[in-house]
Amino acid sequence: QVQLVESGGGLVQAGGSLRLSCAASGRTFSYYPMGWFRQAPGKEREFVAAISRGGTSTNYADSVKGRFTISRSNAKNTVYLQMNDLKPDDTAVYYCASPRLPRLDVPFARDEYEFWGQGTQVTVSS
């Protein structure tokens, strides 16, 4: 079965950086786009970034453009989220996700993703 395992979260001061990783297994990773979402306490899970299956196209939420970078290594079955200039509002549990079927586009809607990791906590102190 499909498994997604995030890592790299932690506590960082405002202005700092973190790099999240998501290791995928259970199917051919390079067939599927990948996404990152986040959920803060009391809020809905929201889109952060997504990348096409080949890594040539990306999509970002306006709130993270210019600060976060999504990338992937199909050789390592891993997707990354480099987060720079972190702000307290970035505090959340971060999830990686993958859609049910292979596709060429870069989906950003939560309901287009079928498989989810367990999440990794990111806390940004002011």
Foldseek 3Di string as FASTA:
>chain_A
DKAKAKDWADEEAAQAKIKMKIAIDDDQQLQWKKFKWWDDPPDDIFGAKIAFSVRPDMDGDPVQPPFWDWGDDSVRRMIMIIGGRDDQVVWTWMKMFIADGGDGDTDGDPVRTDDIHPTDTHGYHD
